[in-house]
Amino acid sequence: MLSQILKNNQHLFTDIFPFNLNQEKHHKLDLSIDNQALYSIDLSSVEALQQYISDCLQQTGAKYAIGGYNEDRLIYRKSKHFGEGEDARSIHLGTDLWLAANTSLSAPLDGKVHSFKNNDVFGDYGPTIILEHCIEGTTFYTLYGHLSVDSLKGKSVGQEIRQGEKFAELGNDQENGNWPCHLHFQIIADMNGREGDFPGVSNQVDRENYLNTCPDPNLILKLK
């Protein structure tokens, strides 16, 4: 199983940002339906959500905010992109790391570009890169969403990306799918034929299937 393989090889993975996540203070951001503070915020407003996140960081003295894996989120009501009614998708399948625009990203292990695309729809990923990796004979993928448009320039399918190599940077809210600046990081066991995109949010019915396909990103991030 992919989760066990990643756990067995955690010592091999390196930082995806220019700093070690465990050496800087962080704030665990709660964007779930249980966070009553969110109900007084206009979640369709990038500025309002950004202000809430900035306030959380200032109040805690944190360098960055993190959270979201398997979180039932309120914020996806901002866009019809996530569906409505019983089919509404609200279960987050990746981990979000809230940092400044233009923060650089490095590969946590050797890989190659599987695919890339600008998912340019309100509330979507915006510029997205998916890397393909192989450990112990098992192929899997890492998805990086909400990047800068420039991150896609010069990329080609099959392009080798070495461990520690800078390959992208975070985008601003004008180019990243209309979100406060952050990285959506997701591990995927099987792309199921998709290219440049993969669901980052599930409905309740498909929750377990998607969580099996997309194990906890902290297996690579290693945040304590």
C-alpha atoms as a PDB file:
ATOM      1  CA  MET A   1       0.000   0.000   0.000  1.00  0.00           C
ATOM      2  CA  LEU A   2       1.292   3.453  -0.941  1.00  0.00           C
ATOM      3  CA  SER A   3       0.872   4.903   2.553  1.00  0.00           C
ATOM      4  CA  GLN A   4       3.148   2.265   4.049  1.00  0.00           C
ATOM      5  CA  ILE A   5       5.760   2.673   1.319  1.00  0.00           C
ATOM      6  CA  LEU A   6       5.867   6.425   1.912  1.00  0.00           C
ATOM      7  CA  LYS A   7       6.095   5.922   5.662  1.00  0.00           C
ATOM      8  CA  ASN A   8       8.994   3.509   5.219  1.00  0.00           C
ATOM      9  CA  ASN A   9      10.865   6.050   3.097  1.00  0.00           C
ATOM     10  CA  GLN A  10      10.090   9.284   4.942  1.00  0.00           C
ATOM     11  CA  HIS A  11      13.738   9.799   5.768  1.00  0.00           C
ATOM     12  CA  LEU A  12      14.437  10.303   2.059  1.00  0.00           C
ATOM     13  CA  PHE A  13      12.067  13.231   1.463  1.00  0.00           C
ATOM     14  CA  THR A  14      13.391  16.796   1.499  1.00  0.00           C
ATOM     15  CA  ASP A  15      11.738  20.187   2.035  1.00  0.00           C
ATOM     16  CA  ILE A  16       9.427  21.557  -0.638  1.00  0.00           C
ATOM     17  CA  PHE A  17       9.918  25.163   0.554  1.00  0.00           C
ATOM     18  CA  PRO A  18      13.129  27.168   1.122  1.00  0.00           C
ATOM     19  CA  PHE A  19      12.773  26.447   4.842  1.00  0.00           C
ATOM     20  CA  ASN A  20      12.040  23.436   7.028  1.00  0.00           C
ATOM     21  CA  LEU A  21       8.395  23.305   8.080  1.00  0.00           C
ATOM     22  CA  ASN A  22       9.291  22.071  11.550  1.00  0.00           C
ATOM     23  CA  GLN A  23      11.764  24.876  12.216  1.00  0.00           C
ATOM     24  CA  GLU A  24       9.246  27.685  11.772  1.00  0.00           C
ATOM     25  CA  LYS A  25       6.153  28.384  13.850  1.00  0.00           C
ATOM     26  CA  HIS A  26       2.944  27.385  12.110  1.00  0.00           C
ATOM     27  CA  HIS A  27      -0.771  27.788  12.675  1.00  0.00           C
ATOM     28  CA  LYS A  28      -3.182  24.928  12.044  1.00  0.00           C
ATOM     29  CA  LEU A  29      -5.915  26.649  10.095  1.00  0.00           C
ATOM     30  CA  ASP A  30      -9.457  25.409  10.655  1.00  0.00           C
ATOM     31  CA  LEU A  31     -11.658  25.940   7.592  1.00  0.00           C
ATOM     32  CA  SER A  32     -14.150  23.250   8.552  1.00  0.00           C
ATOM     33  CA  ILE A  33     -17.900  23.508   8.919  1.00  0.00           C
ATOM     34  CA  ASP A  34     -17.359  23.457  12.700  1.00  0.00           C
ATOM     35  CA  ASN A  35     -15.485  26.766  12.767  1.00  0.00           C
ATOM     36  CA  GLN A  36     -18.188  29.247  13.741  1.00  0.00           C
ATOM     37  CA  ALA A  37     -15.976  32.235  12.916  1.00  0.00           C
ATOM     38  CA  LEU A  38     -16.262  31.430   9.204  1.00  0.00           C
ATOM     39  CA  TYR A  39     -20.012  31.946   9.162  1.00  0.00           C
ATOM     40  CA  SER A  40     -19.568  35.695   9.614  1.00  0.00           C
ATOM     41  CA  ILE A  41     -17.136  35.964   6.680  1.00  0.00           C
ATOM     42  CA  ASP A  42     -18.020  36.463   3.018  1.00  0.00           C
ATOM     43  CA  LEU A  43     -16.265  33.349   1.738  1.00  0.00           C
ATOM     44  CA  SER A  44     -16.802  34.426  -1.870  1.00  0.00           C
ATOM     45  CA  SER A  45     -14.427  37.333  -1.206  1.00  0.00           C
ATOM     46  CA  VAL A  46     -10.723  36.609  -1.623  1.00  0.00           C
ATOM     47  CA  GLU A  47      -9.948  39.711   0.409  1.00  0.00           C
ATOM     48  CA  ALA A  48     -12.163  38.677   3.335  1.00  0.00           C
ATOM     49  CA  LEU A  49     -10.705  35.171   3.516  1.00  0.00           C
ATOM     50  CA  GLN A  50      -7.175  36.521   3.173  1.00  0.00           C
ATOM     51  CA  GLN A  51      -7.807  38.952   6.024  1.00  0.00           C
ATOM     52  CA  TYR A  52      -9.054  36.122   8.234  1.00  0.00           C
ATOM     53  CA  ILE A  53      -5.952  34.046   7.494  1.00  0.00           C
ATOM     54  CA  SER A  54      -3.638  37.033   8.003  1.00  0.00           C
ATOM     55  CA  ASP A  55      -5.288  37.757  11.345  1.00  0.00           C
ATOM     56  CA  CYS A  56      -4.774  34.142  12.433  1.00  0.00           C
ATOM     57  CA  LEU A  57      -1.079  34.334  11.552  1.00  0.00           C
ATOM     58  CA  GLN A  58      -0.621  37.668  13.296  1.00  0.00           C
ATOM     59  CA  GLN A  59      -2.405  36.556  16.451  1.00  0.00           C
ATOM     60  CA  THR A  60      -0.316  33.394  16.724  1.00  0.00           C
ATOM     61  CA  GLY A  61       2.979  34.806  15.471  1.00  0.00           C
ATOM     62  CA  ALA A  62       3.195  32.028  12.887  1.00  0.00           C
ATOM     63  CA  LYS A  63       5.191  32.137   9.650  1.00  0.00           C
ATOM     64  CA  TYR A  64       2.678  30.031   7.752  1.00  0.00           C
ATOM     65  CA  ALA A  65      -0.647  28.262   8.120  1.00  0.00           C
ATOM     66  CA  ILE A  66      -1.325  24.642   7.282  1.00  0.00           C
ATOM     67  CA  GLY A  67      -4.239  22.252   7.305  1.00  0.00           C
ATOM     68  CA  GLY A  68      -7.034  20.706   5.441  1.00  0.00           C
ATOM     69  CA  TYR A  69      -6.482  16.986   4.815  1.00  0.00           C
ATOM     70  CA  ASN A  70      -9.780  15.112   5.151  1.00  0.00           C
ATOM     71  CA  GLU A  71     -11.395  18.314   6.414  1.00  0.00           C
ATOM     72  CA  ASP A  72     -15.095  18.904   5.734  1.00  0.00           C
ATOM     73  CA  ARG A  73     -14.870  22.503   4.594  1.00  0.00           C
ATOM     74  CA  LEU A  74     -17.327  25.345   4.567  1.00  0.00           C
ATOM     75  CA  ILE A  75     -15.332  27.476   2.145  1.00  0.00           C
ATOM     76  CA  TYR A  76     -16.282  25.510  -0.965  1.00  0.00           C
ATOM     77  CA  ARG A  77     -19.719  27.050  -0.925  1.00  0.00           C
ATOM     78  CA  LYS A  78     -18.070  30.070  -2.583  1.00  0.00           C
ATOM     79  CA  SER A  79     -18.105  28.445  -6.025  1.00  0.00           C
ATOM     80  CA  LYS A  80     -20.520  26.309  -8.050  1.00  0.00           C
ATOM     81  CA  HIS A  81     -17.377  24.537  -9.255  1.00  0.00           C
ATOM     82  CA  PHE A  82     -17.767  22.284  -6.196  1.00  0.00           C
ATOM     83  CA  GLY A  83     -21.362  21.285  -6.927  1.00  0.00           C
ATOM     84  CA  GLU A  84     -24.597  21.715  -5.042  1.00  0.00           C
ATOM     85  CA  GLY A  85     -27.001  19.627  -2.981  1.00  0.00           C
ATOM     86  CA  GLU A  86     -26.168  15.970  -2.308  1.00  0.00           C
ATOM     87  CA  ASP A  87     -23.367  16.022  -4.890  1.00  0.00           C
ATOM     88  CA  ALA A  88     -21.647  19.010  -3.294  1.00  0.00           C
ATOM     89  CA  ARG A  89     -17.936  18.388  -2.742  1.00  0.00           C
ATOM     90  CA  SER A  90     -16.525  19.594   0.571  1.00  0.00           C
ATOM     91  CA  ILE A  91     -13.993  16.965   1.765  1.00  0.00           C
ATOM     92  CA  HIS A  92     -10.477  18.266   1.164  1.00  0.00           C
ATOM     93  CA  LEU A  93      -8.089  15.631  -0.230  1.00  0.00           C
ATOM     94  CA  GLY A  94      -4.818  17.520   0.079  1.00  0.00           C
ATOM     95  CA  THR A  95      -2.974  19.752   2.499  1.00  0.00           C
ATOM     96  CA  ASP A  96      -2.939  23.516   2.091  1.00  0.00           C
ATOM     97  CA  LEU A  97       0.063  25.596   3.092  1.00  0.00           C
ATOM     98  CA  TRP A  98      -0.659  29.316   3.241  1.00  0.00           C
ATOM     99  CA  LEU A  99       2.410  31.352   2.311  1.00  0.00           C
ATOM    100  CA  ALA A 100       3.282  34.473   0.332  1.00  0.00           C
ATOM    101  CA  ALA A 101       3.069  34.663  -3.445  1.00  0.00           C
ATOM    102  CA  ASN A 102       6.286  33.821  -5.302  1.00  0.00           C
ATOM    103  CA  THR A 103       7.461  31.410  -2.586  1.00  0.00           C
ATOM    104  CA  SER A 104       9.514  28.825  -4.473  1.00  0.00           C
ATOM    105  CA  LEU A 105       8.808  25.093  -4.558  1.00  0.00           C
ATOM    106  CA  SER A 106      11.319  22.254  -4.766  1.00  0.00           C
ATOM    107  CA  ALA A 107      10.740  18.583  -5.498  1.00  0.00           C
ATOM    108  CA  PRO A 108      10.754  16.430  -2.322  1.00  0.00           C
ATOM    109  CA  LEU A 109      12.173  13.502  -4.310  1.00  0.00           C
ATOM    110  CA  ASP A 110      13.242  12.691  -7.854  1.00  0.00           C
ATOM    111  CA  GLY A 111      10.468  12.673 -10.410  1.00  0.00           C
ATOM    112  CA  LYS A 112       9.335  13.794 -13.819  1.00  0.00           C
ATOM    113  CA  VAL A 113       6.561  16.014 -15.097  1.00  0.00           C
ATOM    114  CA  HIS A 114       3.478  13.864 -15.594  1.00  0.00           C
ATOM    115  CA  SER A 115       1.308  16.760 -16.760  1.00  0.00           C
ATOM    116  CA  PHE A 116       0.533  20.425 -16.211  1.00  0.00           C
ATOM    117  CA  LYS A 117      -2.347  22.760 -16.921  1.00  0.00           C
ATOM    118  CA  ASN A 118      -3.851  26.105 -16.040  1.00  0.00           C
ATOM    119  CA  ASN A 119      -7.199  25.129 -14.511  1.00  0.00           C
ATOM    120  CA  ASP A 120      -8.475  28.650 -14.992  1.00  0.00           C
ATOM    121  CA  VAL A 121     -11.944  28.474 -13.419  1.00  0.00           C
ATOM    122  CA  PHE A 122     -13.093  30.484 -10.393  1.00  0.00           C
ATOM    123  CA  GLY A 123     -12.319  28.413  -7.306  1.00  0.00           C
ATOM    124  CA  ASP A 124     -10.214  25.838  -9.174  1.00  0.00           C
ATOM    125  CA  TYR A 125      -6.456  25.153  -8.934  1.00  0.00           C
ATOM    126  CA  GLY A 126      -5.282  27.720 -11.430  1.00  0.00           C
ATOM    127  CA  PRO A 127      -1.803  26.720 -12.707  1.00  0.00           C
ATOM    128  CA  THR A 128      -1.112  23.114 -11.694  1.00  0.00           C
ATOM    129  CA  ILE A 129       1.859  20.765 -12.018  1.00  0.00           C
ATOM    130  CA  ILE A 130       1.723  17.019 -11.377  1.00  0.00           C
ATOM    131  CA  LEU A 131       4.969  15.113 -10.847  1.00  0.00           C
ATOM    132  CA  GLU A 132       5.374  11.363 -11.259  1.00  0.00           C
ATOM    133  CA  HIS A 133       7.586   9.413  -8.851  1.00  0.00           C
ATOM    134  CA  CYS A 134       8.583   5.820  -8.243  1.00  0.00           C
ATOM    135  CA  ILE A 135       9.661   4.212  -4.960  1.00  0.00           C
ATOM    136  CA  GLU A 136      10.159   0.473  -4.427  1.00  0.00           C
ATOM    137  CA  GLY A 137       8.667  -0.164  -7.856  1.00  0.00           C
ATOM    138  CA  THR A 138       5.480   1.741  -6.998  1.00  0.00           C
ATOM    139  CA  THR A 139       4.509   4.724  -9.133  1.00  0.00           C
ATOM    140  CA  PHE A 140       2.641   7.616  -7.541  1.00  0.00           C
ATOM    141  CA  TYR A 141       2.111  11.314  -8.116  1.00  0.00           C
ATOM    142  CA  THR A 142       2.322  14.640  -6.299  1.00  0.00           C
ATOM    143  CA  LEU A 143       0.066  17.526  -7.301  1.00  0.00           C
ATOM    144  CA  TYR A 144       0.928  21.193  -6.780  1.00  0.00           C
ATOM    145  CA  GLY A 145      -1.962  23.607  -7.256  1.00  0.00           C
ATOM    146  CA  HIS A 146      -2.440  27.404  -7.128  1.00  0.00           C
ATOM    147  CA  LEU A 147       0.914  28.144  -8.747  1.00  0.00           C
ATOM    148  CA  SER A 148       2.048  31.146 -10.755  1.00  0.00           C
ATOM    149  CA  VAL A 149       1.412  31.185 -14.495  1.00  0.00           C
ATOM    150  CA  ASP A 150       5.165  31.483 -15.011  1.00  0.00           C
ATOM    151  CA  SER A 151       5.604  28.103 -13.294  1.00  0.00           C
ATOM    152  CA  LEU A 152       4.177  26.402 -16.378  1.00  0.00           C
ATOM    153  CA  LYS A 153       6.595  28.058 -18.788  1.00  0.00           C
ATOM    154  CA  GLY A 154       9.302  25.773 -20.121  1.00  0.00           C
ATOM    155  CA  LYS A 155       7.653  22.645 -18.741  1.00  0.00           C
ATOM    156  CA  SER A 156       7.259  19.521 -20.854  1.00  0.00           C
ATOM    157  CA  VAL A 157       5.741  16.113 -20.202  1.00  0.00           C
ATOM    158  CA  GLY A 158       8.459  13.694 -19.142  1.00  0.00           C
ATOM    159  CA  GLN A 159      10.837  16.467 -18.067  1.00  0.00           C
ATOM    160  CA  GLU A 160      13.034  15.256 -15.228  1.00  0.00           C
ATOM    161  CA  ILE A 161      12.803  17.146 -11.946  1.00  0.00           C
ATOM    162  CA  ARG A 162      15.529  16.238  -9.501  1.00  0.00           C
ATOM    163  CA  GLN A 163      15.117  16.146  -5.737  1.00  0.00           C
ATOM    164  CA  GLY A 164      15.632  19.631  -4.333  1.00  0.00           C
ATOM    165  CA  GLU A 165      15.270  21.281  -7.737  1.00  0.00           C
ATOM    166  CA  LYS A 166      13.156  24.439  -7.804  1.00  0.00           C
ATOM    167  CA  PHE A 167      10.396  23.898 -10.344  1.00  0.00           C
ATOM    168  CA  ALA A 168       7.575  26.303  -9.455  1.00  0.00           C
ATOM    169  CA  GLU A 169       6.399  29.159  -7.263  1.00  0.00           C
ATOM    170  CA  LEU A 170       3.139  30.109  -5.601  1.00  0.00           C
ATOM    171  CA  GLY A 171       0.764  32.310  -7.569  1.00  0.00           C
ATOM    172  CA  ASN A 172      -1.138  35.396  -6.490  1.00  0.00           C
ATOM    173  CA  ASP A 173      -4.909  35.582  -6.222  1.00  0.00           C
ATOM    174  CA  GLN A 174      -5.238  36.984  -9.740  1.00  0.00           C
ATOM    175  CA  GLU A 175      -3.827  33.827 -11.306  1.00  0.00           C
ATOM    176  CA  ASN A 176      -4.239  30.972  -8.808  1.00  0.00           C
ATOM    177  CA  GLY A 177      -7.958  30.273  -9.143  1.00  0.00           C
ATOM    178  CA  ASN A 178      -9.040  33.295  -7.070  1.00  0.00           C
ATOM    179  CA  TRP A 179      -7.772  32.138  -3.684  1.00  0.00           C
ATOM    180  CA  PRO A 180      -5.614  33.706  -0.993  1.00  0.00           C
ATOM    181  CA  CYS A 181      -2.069  32.670  -1.826  1.00  0.00           C
ATOM    182  CA  HIS A 182      -1.326  29.081  -0.832  1.00  0.00           C
ATOM    183  CA  LEU A 183      -0.133  25.714  -2.088  1.00  0.00           C
ATOM    184  CA  HIS A 184      -2.487  22.774  -2.474  1.00  0.00           C
ATOM    185  CA  PHE A 185      -0.285  19.694  -2.077  1.00  0.00           C
ATOM    186  CA  GLN A 186      -1.751  16.267  -2.761  1.00  0.00           C
ATOM    187  CA  ILE A 187      -0.458  12.710  -3.109  1.00  0.00           C
ATOM    188  CA  ILE A 188      -2.195  10.532  -5.699  1.00  0.00           C
ATOM    189  CA  ALA A 189      -1.815   6.779  -6.129  1.00  0.00           C
ATOM    190  CA  ASP A 190      -3.541   6.531  -9.512  1.00  0.00           C
ATOM    191  CA  MET A 191      -4.316   9.375 -11.920  1.00  0.00           C
ATOM    192  CA  ASN A 192      -7.030   7.288 -13.601  1.00  0.00           C
ATOM    193  CA  GLY A 193      -6.171   8.743 -16.985  1.00  0.00           C
ATOM    194  CA  ARG A 194      -6.385  12.384 -15.902  1.00  0.00           C
ATOM    195  CA  GLU A 195      -3.834  14.961 -16.964  1.00  0.00           C
ATOM    196  CA  GLY A 196      -3.089  18.357 -15.457  1.00  0.00           C
ATOM    197  CA  ASP A 197      -5.895  18.024 -12.957  1.00  0.00           C
ATOM    198  CA  PHE A 198      -7.266  15.689 -10.295  1.00  0.00           C
ATOM    199  CA  PRO A 199     -10.120  16.174  -7.827  1.00  0.00           C
ATOM    200  CA  GLY A 200      -8.861  17.919  -4.713  1.00  0.00           C
ATOM    201  CA  VAL A 201     -12.244  17.835  -3.026  1.00  0.00           C
ATOM    202  CA  SER A 202     -14.695  14.934  -2.678  1.00  0.00           C
ATOM    203  CA  ASN A 203     -18.348  14.544  -1.833  1.00  0.00           C
ATOM    204  CA  GLN A 204     -19.372  12.505   1.206  1.00  0.00           C
ATOM    205  CA  VAL A 205     -20.329   9.409  -0.799  1.00  0.00           C
ATOM    206  CA  ASP A 206     -16.908   9.047  -2.450  1.00  0.00           C
ATOM    207  CA  ARG A 207     -14.908  10.161   0.573  1.00  0.00           C
ATOM    208  CA  GLU A 208     -13.305   6.840   1.547  1.00  0.00           C
ATOM    209  CA  ASN A 209     -12.446   5.889  -2.031  1.00  0.00           C
ATOM    210  CA  TYR A 210     -10.696   9.182  -2.618  1.00  0.00           C
ATOM    211  CA  LEU A 211      -8.875   9.091   0.718  1.00  0.00           C
ATOM    212  CA  ASN A 212      -7.536   5.651  -0.210  1.00  0.00           C
ATOM    213  CA  THR A 213      -6.324   7.038  -3.529  1.00  0.00           C
ATOM    214  CA  CYS A 214      -4.933  10.194  -1.919  1.00  0.00           C
ATOM    215  CA  PRO A 215      -3.047   9.367   1.305  1.00  0.00           C
ATOM    216  CA  ASP A 216      -2.095  11.949   3.917  1.00  0.00           C
ATOM    217  CA  PRO A 217       0.334  14.499   2.392  1.00  0.00           C
ATOM    218  CA  ASN A 218       2.110  14.700   5.735  1.00  0.00           C
ATOM    219  CA  LEU A 219       3.752  11.395   4.855  1.00  0.00           C
ATOM    220  CA  ILE A 220       5.967  13.559   2.633  1.00  0.00           C
ATOM    221  CA  LEU A 221       5.752  16.915   4.424  1.00  0.00           C
ATOM    222  CA  LYS A 222       6.714  15.338   7.776  1.00  0.00           C
ATOM    223  CA  LEU A 223       5.257  18.128   9.892  1.00  0.00           C
ATOM    224  CA  LYS A 224       5.447  17.156  13.562  1.00  0.00           C
END
